[in-house]
Amino acid sequence: MLTSTAAFLRHSLVPTKRALRLRLAPLHAYMLASIGFTVLVTLVDYIILQPDFFAPMWLFLHGFAIFFFYMMTVAFVSLYVQLVTRMRQQKAWPYRQAWPYTVAMTIVPMFIVILLYHAVPDWFTGGLLILVVYVTWPLLRAPVPNKRQPRSRLT
């Protein structure tokens, strides 16, 4: 289980054509990657923000909020992935395939968005642009099925 999650994370680091295979990833791989992302972001936020609140409670509540908002982001970006695949291939990926691909392609850019927000809040929208490019780039490299023109029987 951990080896497939590690492979999932390794292939999701760079947006290449190979990343398209991640749409068929097993459930445990992308859910463990999501939980790992949540823990990492929660710890980074704790270090940067240094809250004056009971630490275990803050970590739990903040981690829950990060996971919730990350899953909402993945849900909206999955709809975007379906839109792009429908426009490029005339058939959208099923949601069960768009979701793992979206989790894989949003882990790195969302971490960049969060770091940019902490470092320079004005560059937050630039981080969102990185997210869109990161998700879209492999989709534009996917092979498009040939559209054969039917032959006319009149000739």
C-alpha atoms as a PDB file:
ATOM      1  CA  MET A   1       0.000   0.000   0.000  1.00  0.00           C
ATOM      2  CA  LEU A   2       2.777   2.451   0.848  1.00  0.00           C
ATOM      3  CA  THR A   3       4.748   1.527  -2.277  1.00  0.00           C
ATOM      4  CA  SER A   4       1.811   2.351  -4.545  1.00  0.00           C
ATOM      5  CA  THR A   5       1.267   5.619  -2.658  1.00  0.00           C
ATOM      6  CA  ALA A   6       4.964   6.470  -3.022  1.00  0.00           C
ATOM      7  CA  ALA A   7       4.758   5.708  -6.758  1.00  0.00           C
ATOM      8  CA  PHE A   8       1.631   7.849  -6.986  1.00  0.00           C
ATOM      9  CA  LEU A   9       3.422  10.770  -5.333  1.00  0.00           C
ATOM     10  CA  ARG A  10       6.574  10.302  -7.426  1.00  0.00           C
ATOM     11  CA  HIS A  11       4.631  10.424 -10.699  1.00  0.00           C
ATOM     12  CA  SER A  12       2.613  13.442  -9.574  1.00  0.00           C
ATOM     13  CA  LEU A  13       5.607  15.698  -8.961  1.00  0.00           C
ATOM     14  CA  VAL A  14       6.087  16.758 -12.586  1.00  0.00           C
ATOM     15  CA  PRO A  15       3.206  17.321 -15.026  1.00  0.00           C
ATOM     16  CA  THR A  16       4.153  14.961 -17.865  1.00  0.00           C
ATOM     17  CA  LYS A  17       2.234  12.712 -20.197  1.00  0.00           C
ATOM     18  CA  ARG A  18       2.945   9.799 -17.807  1.00  0.00           C
ATOM     19  CA  ALA A  19       0.833  11.574 -15.198  1.00  0.00           C
ATOM     20  CA  LEU A  20      -2.255  10.707 -17.245  1.00  0.00           C
ATOM     21  CA  ARG A  21      -1.911   7.118 -16.020  1.00  0.00           C
ATOM     22  CA  LEU A  22      -2.603   8.313 -12.490  1.00  0.00           C
ATOM     23  CA  ARG A  23      -6.288   8.519 -13.333  1.00  0.00           C
ATOM     24  CA  LEU A  24      -6.392   4.763 -12.751  1.00  0.00           C
ATOM     25  CA  ALA A  25      -4.700   4.906  -9.334  1.00  0.00           C
ATOM     26  CA  PRO A  26      -6.126   2.849  -6.475  1.00  0.00           C
ATOM     27  CA  LEU A  27      -8.235   4.524  -3.817  1.00  0.00           C
ATOM     28  CA  HIS A  28      -5.704   4.109  -1.016  1.00  0.00           C
ATOM     29  CA  ALA A  29      -2.954   5.826  -3.039  1.00  0.00           C
ATOM     30  CA  TYR A  30      -4.726   9.113  -3.628  1.00  0.00           C
ATOM     31  CA  MET A  31      -6.415   9.204  -0.236  1.00  0.00           C
ATOM     32  CA  LEU A  32      -3.109   8.624   1.590  1.00  0.00           C
ATOM     33  CA  ALA A  33      -1.539  11.307  -0.607  1.00  0.00           C
ATOM     34  CA  SER A  34      -4.357  13.695   0.358  1.00  0.00           C
ATOM     35  CA  ILE A  35      -3.929  12.952   4.053  1.00  0.00           C
ATOM     36  CA  GLY A  36      -0.161  13.377   3.746  1.00  0.00           C
ATOM     37  CA  PHE A  37      -0.701  16.723   2.028  1.00  0.00           C
ATOM     38  CA  THR A  38      -3.039  17.780   4.833  1.00  0.00           C
ATOM     39  CA  VAL A  39      -0.548  16.839   7.539  1.00  0.00           C
ATOM     40  CA  LEU A  40       2.303  18.619   5.742  1.00  0.00           C
ATOM     41  CA  VAL A  41       0.332  21.825   5.214  1.00  0.00           C
ATOM     42  CA  THR A  42      -0.949  21.758   8.796  1.00  0.00           C
ATOM     43  CA  LEU A  43       2.584  21.458  10.152  1.00  0.00           C
ATOM     44  CA  VAL A  44       3.864  24.229   7.866  1.00  0.00           C
ATOM     45  CA  ASP A  45       0.998  26.477   8.955  1.00  0.00           C
ATOM     46  CA  TYR A  46       1.679  25.693  12.608  1.00  0.00           C
ATOM     47  CA  ILE A  47       5.351  26.598  12.232  1.00  0.00           C
ATOM     48  CA  ILE A  48       4.636  29.807  10.315  1.00  0.00           C
ATOM     49  CA  LEU A  49       1.588  31.020  12.247  1.00  0.00           C
ATOM     50  CA  GLN A  50       2.684  29.932  15.760  1.00  0.00           C
ATOM     51  CA  PRO A  51      -0.822  30.080  17.213  1.00  0.00           C
ATOM     52  CA  ASP A  52      -1.478  30.874  20.890  1.00  0.00           C
ATOM     53  CA  PHE A  53      -3.985  28.079  21.194  1.00  0.00           C
ATOM     54  CA  PHE A  54      -3.884  24.585  22.671  1.00  0.00           C
ATOM     55  CA  ALA A  55      -1.610  22.898  20.120  1.00  0.00           C
ATOM     56  CA  PRO A  56      -3.289  19.459  19.740  1.00  0.00           C
ATOM     57  CA  MET A  57      -6.716  21.049  19.329  1.00  0.00           C
ATOM     58  CA  TRP A  58      -5.388  23.638  16.856  1.00  0.00           C
ATOM     59  CA  LEU A  59      -3.603  20.957  14.816  1.00  0.00           C
ATOM     60  CA  PHE A  60      -6.736  18.794  14.699  1.00  0.00           C
ATOM     61  CA  LEU A  61      -9.113  21.601  13.755  1.00  0.00           C
ATOM     62  CA  HIS A  62      -6.736  23.189  11.263  1.00  0.00           C
ATOM     63  CA  GLY A  63      -5.947  19.803   9.697  1.00  0.00           C
ATOM     64  CA  PHE A  64      -9.667  19.069   9.357  1.00  0.00           C
ATOM     65  CA  ALA A  65     -10.258  22.456   7.709  1.00  0.00           C
ATOM     66  CA  ILE A  66      -7.295  22.012   5.338  1.00  0.00           C
ATOM     67  CA  PHE A  67      -8.524  18.549   4.321  1.00  0.00           C
ATOM     68  CA  PHE A  68     -12.069  19.832   3.764  1.00  0.00           C
ATOM     69  CA  PHE A  69     -10.991  22.787   1.635  1.00  0.00           C
ATOM     70  CA  TYR A  70      -8.457  20.680  -0.278  1.00  0.00           C
ATOM     71  CA  MET A  71     -11.179  18.143  -1.131  1.00  0.00           C
ATOM     72  CA  MET A  72     -13.470  20.985  -2.249  1.00  0.00           C
ATOM     73  CA  THR A  73     -10.680  22.286  -4.482  1.00  0.00           C
ATOM     74  CA  VAL A  74     -10.159  18.800  -5.908  1.00  0.00           C
ATOM     75  CA  ALA A  75     -13.898  18.496  -6.587  1.00  0.00           C
ATOM     76  CA  PHE A  76     -14.001  21.741  -8.584  1.00  0.00           C
ATOM     77  CA  VAL A  77     -10.770  21.007 -10.438  1.00  0.00           C
ATOM     78  CA  SER A  78     -12.111  17.520 -11.285  1.00  0.00           C
ATOM     79  CA  LEU A  79     -15.057  19.179 -13.007  1.00  0.00           C
ATOM     80  CA  TYR A  80     -12.558  21.345 -14.902  1.00  0.00           C
ATOM     81  CA  VAL A  81     -10.619  18.198 -15.907  1.00  0.00           C
ATOM     82  CA  GLN A  82     -13.827  16.664 -17.203  1.00  0.00           C
ATOM     83  CA  LEU A  83     -14.550  19.819 -19.196  1.00  0.00           C
ATOM     84  CA  VAL A  84     -11.074  19.832 -20.759  1.00  0.00           C
ATOM     85  CA  THR A  85     -11.216  16.129 -21.627  1.00  0.00           C
ATOM     86  CA  ARG A  86     -14.676  16.545 -23.148  1.00  0.00           C
ATOM     87  CA  MET A  87     -13.479  19.434 -25.314  1.00  0.00           C
ATOM     88  CA  ARG A  88     -10.317  17.586 -26.422  1.00  0.00           C
ATOM     89  CA  GLN A  89     -11.604  14.036 -26.792  1.00  0.00           C
ATOM     90  CA  GLN A  90     -15.353  14.489 -27.277  1.00  0.00           C
ATOM     91  CA  LYS A  91     -15.857  12.194 -24.283  1.00  0.00           C
ATOM     92  CA  ALA A  92     -15.250  13.294 -20.721  1.00  0.00           C
ATOM     93  CA  TRP A  93     -13.377  11.093 -18.304  1.00  0.00           C
ATOM     94  CA  PRO A  94     -15.674   9.547 -15.722  1.00  0.00           C
ATOM     95  CA  TYR A  95     -15.515  11.289 -12.365  1.00  0.00           C
ATOM     96  CA  ARG A  96     -13.914   8.183 -10.821  1.00  0.00           C
ATOM     97  CA  GLN A  97     -10.938   8.729 -13.171  1.00  0.00           C
ATOM     98  CA  ALA A  98     -10.835  12.524 -13.031  1.00  0.00           C
ATOM     99  CA  TRP A  99     -10.646  12.527  -9.228  1.00  0.00           C
ATOM    100  CA  PRO A 100      -7.356  10.547  -8.804  1.00  0.00           C
ATOM    101  CA  TYR A 101      -5.736  12.509 -11.638  1.00  0.00           C
ATOM    102  CA  THR A 102      -6.809  15.771 -10.025  1.00  0.00           C
ATOM    103  CA  VAL A 103      -5.484  14.751  -6.616  1.00  0.00           C
ATOM    104  CA  ALA A 104      -2.146  13.884  -8.221  1.00  0.00           C
ATOM    105  CA  MET A 105      -1.906  17.092 -10.202  1.00  0.00           C
ATOM    106  CA  THR A 106      -2.982  19.445  -7.396  1.00  0.00           C
ATOM    107  CA  ILE A 107      -0.708  18.304  -4.566  1.00  0.00           C
ATOM    108  CA  VAL A 108       2.399  20.231  -5.662  1.00  0.00           C
ATOM    109  CA  PRO A 109       0.685  23.403  -6.969  1.00  0.00           C
ATOM    110  CA  MET A 110      -1.559  23.687  -3.900  1.00  0.00           C
ATOM    111  CA  PHE A 111       1.505  23.476  -1.674  1.00  0.00           C
ATOM    112  CA  ILE A 112       3.080  26.240  -3.795  1.00  0.00           C
ATOM    113  CA  VAL A 113      -0.131  28.292  -3.471  1.00  0.00           C
ATOM    114  CA  ILE A 114      -0.020  27.959   0.314  1.00  0.00           C
ATOM    115  CA  LEU A 115       3.659  28.890   0.508  1.00  0.00           C
ATOM    116  CA  LEU A 116       3.075  31.876  -1.777  1.00  0.00           C
ATOM    117  CA  TYR A 117       0.160  32.966   0.364  1.00  0.00           C
ATOM    118  CA  HIS A 118       2.353  32.912   3.473  1.00  0.00           C
ATOM    119  CA  ALA A 119       5.340  34.565   1.794  1.00  0.00           C
ATOM    120  CA  VAL A 120       3.706  37.117  -0.514  1.00  0.00           C
ATOM    121  CA  PRO A 121      -0.118  37.194  -0.304  1.00  0.00           C
ATOM    122  CA  ASP A 122      -0.311  39.361  -3.439  1.00  0.00           C
ATOM    123  CA  TRP A 123       1.019  36.450  -5.537  1.00  0.00           C
ATOM    124  CA  PHE A 124      -1.834  34.152  -4.495  1.00  0.00           C
ATOM    125  CA  THR A 125      -3.526  34.461  -7.891  1.00  0.00           C
ATOM    126  CA  GLY A 126      -0.224  33.595  -9.584  1.00  0.00           C
ATOM    127  CA  GLY A 127      -0.245  30.391  -7.566  1.00  0.00           C
ATOM    128  CA  LEU A 128      -3.731  29.604  -8.821  1.00  0.00           C
ATOM    129  CA  LEU A 129      -2.491  30.140 -12.385  1.00  0.00           C
ATOM    130  CA  ILE A 130       0.288  27.632 -11.674  1.00  0.00           C
ATOM    131  CA  LEU A 131      -2.402  25.205 -10.506  1.00  0.00           C
ATOM    132  CA  VAL A 132      -4.397  25.566 -13.729  1.00  0.00           C
ATOM    133  CA  VAL A 133      -1.305  25.135 -15.914  1.00  0.00           C
ATOM    134  CA  TYR A 134      -0.106  22.146 -13.859  1.00  0.00           C
ATOM    135  CA  VAL A 135      -3.447  20.366 -14.256  1.00  0.00           C
ATOM    136  CA  THR A 136      -4.017  21.289 -17.909  1.00  0.00           C
ATOM    137  CA  TRP A 137      -0.561  20.638 -19.389  1.00  0.00           C
ATOM    138  CA  PRO A 138      -0.716  16.796 -19.368  1.00  0.00           C
ATOM    139  CA  LEU A 139      -4.308  16.879 -20.612  1.00  0.00           C
ATOM    140  CA  LEU A 140      -3.185  18.811 -23.684  1.00  0.00           C
ATOM    141  CA  ARG A 141      -0.543  16.126 -24.362  1.00  0.00           C
ATOM    142  CA  ALA A 142      -3.100  13.296 -24.307  1.00  0.00           C
ATOM    143  CA  PRO A 143      -3.648  11.597 -27.651  1.00  0.00           C
ATOM    144  CA  VAL A 144      -6.768  12.701 -29.444  1.00  0.00           C
ATOM    145  CA  PRO A 145      -8.733  10.002 -31.284  1.00  0.00           C
ATOM    146  CA  ASN A 146      -8.792  10.329 -35.058  1.00  0.00           C
ATOM    147  CA  LYS A 147     -11.957  11.646 -36.564  1.00  0.00           C
ATOM    148  CA  ARG A 148     -12.438   9.747 -39.773  1.00  0.00           C
ATOM    149  CA  GLN A 149     -14.499  11.380 -42.411  1.00  0.00           C
ATOM    150  CA  PRO A 150     -17.078   8.962 -43.769  1.00  0.00           C
ATOM    151  CA  ARG A 151     -16.567   8.290 -47.455  1.00  0.00           C
ATOM    152  CA  SER A 152     -19.236   9.396 -49.791  1.00  0.00           C
ATOM    153  CA  ARG A 153     -20.872   6.518 -51.688  1.00  0.00           C
ATOM    154  CA  LEU A 154     -21.732   8.809 -54.559  1.00  0.00           C
ATOM    155  CA  THR A 155     -18.269   8.636 -56.139  1.00  0.00           C
END
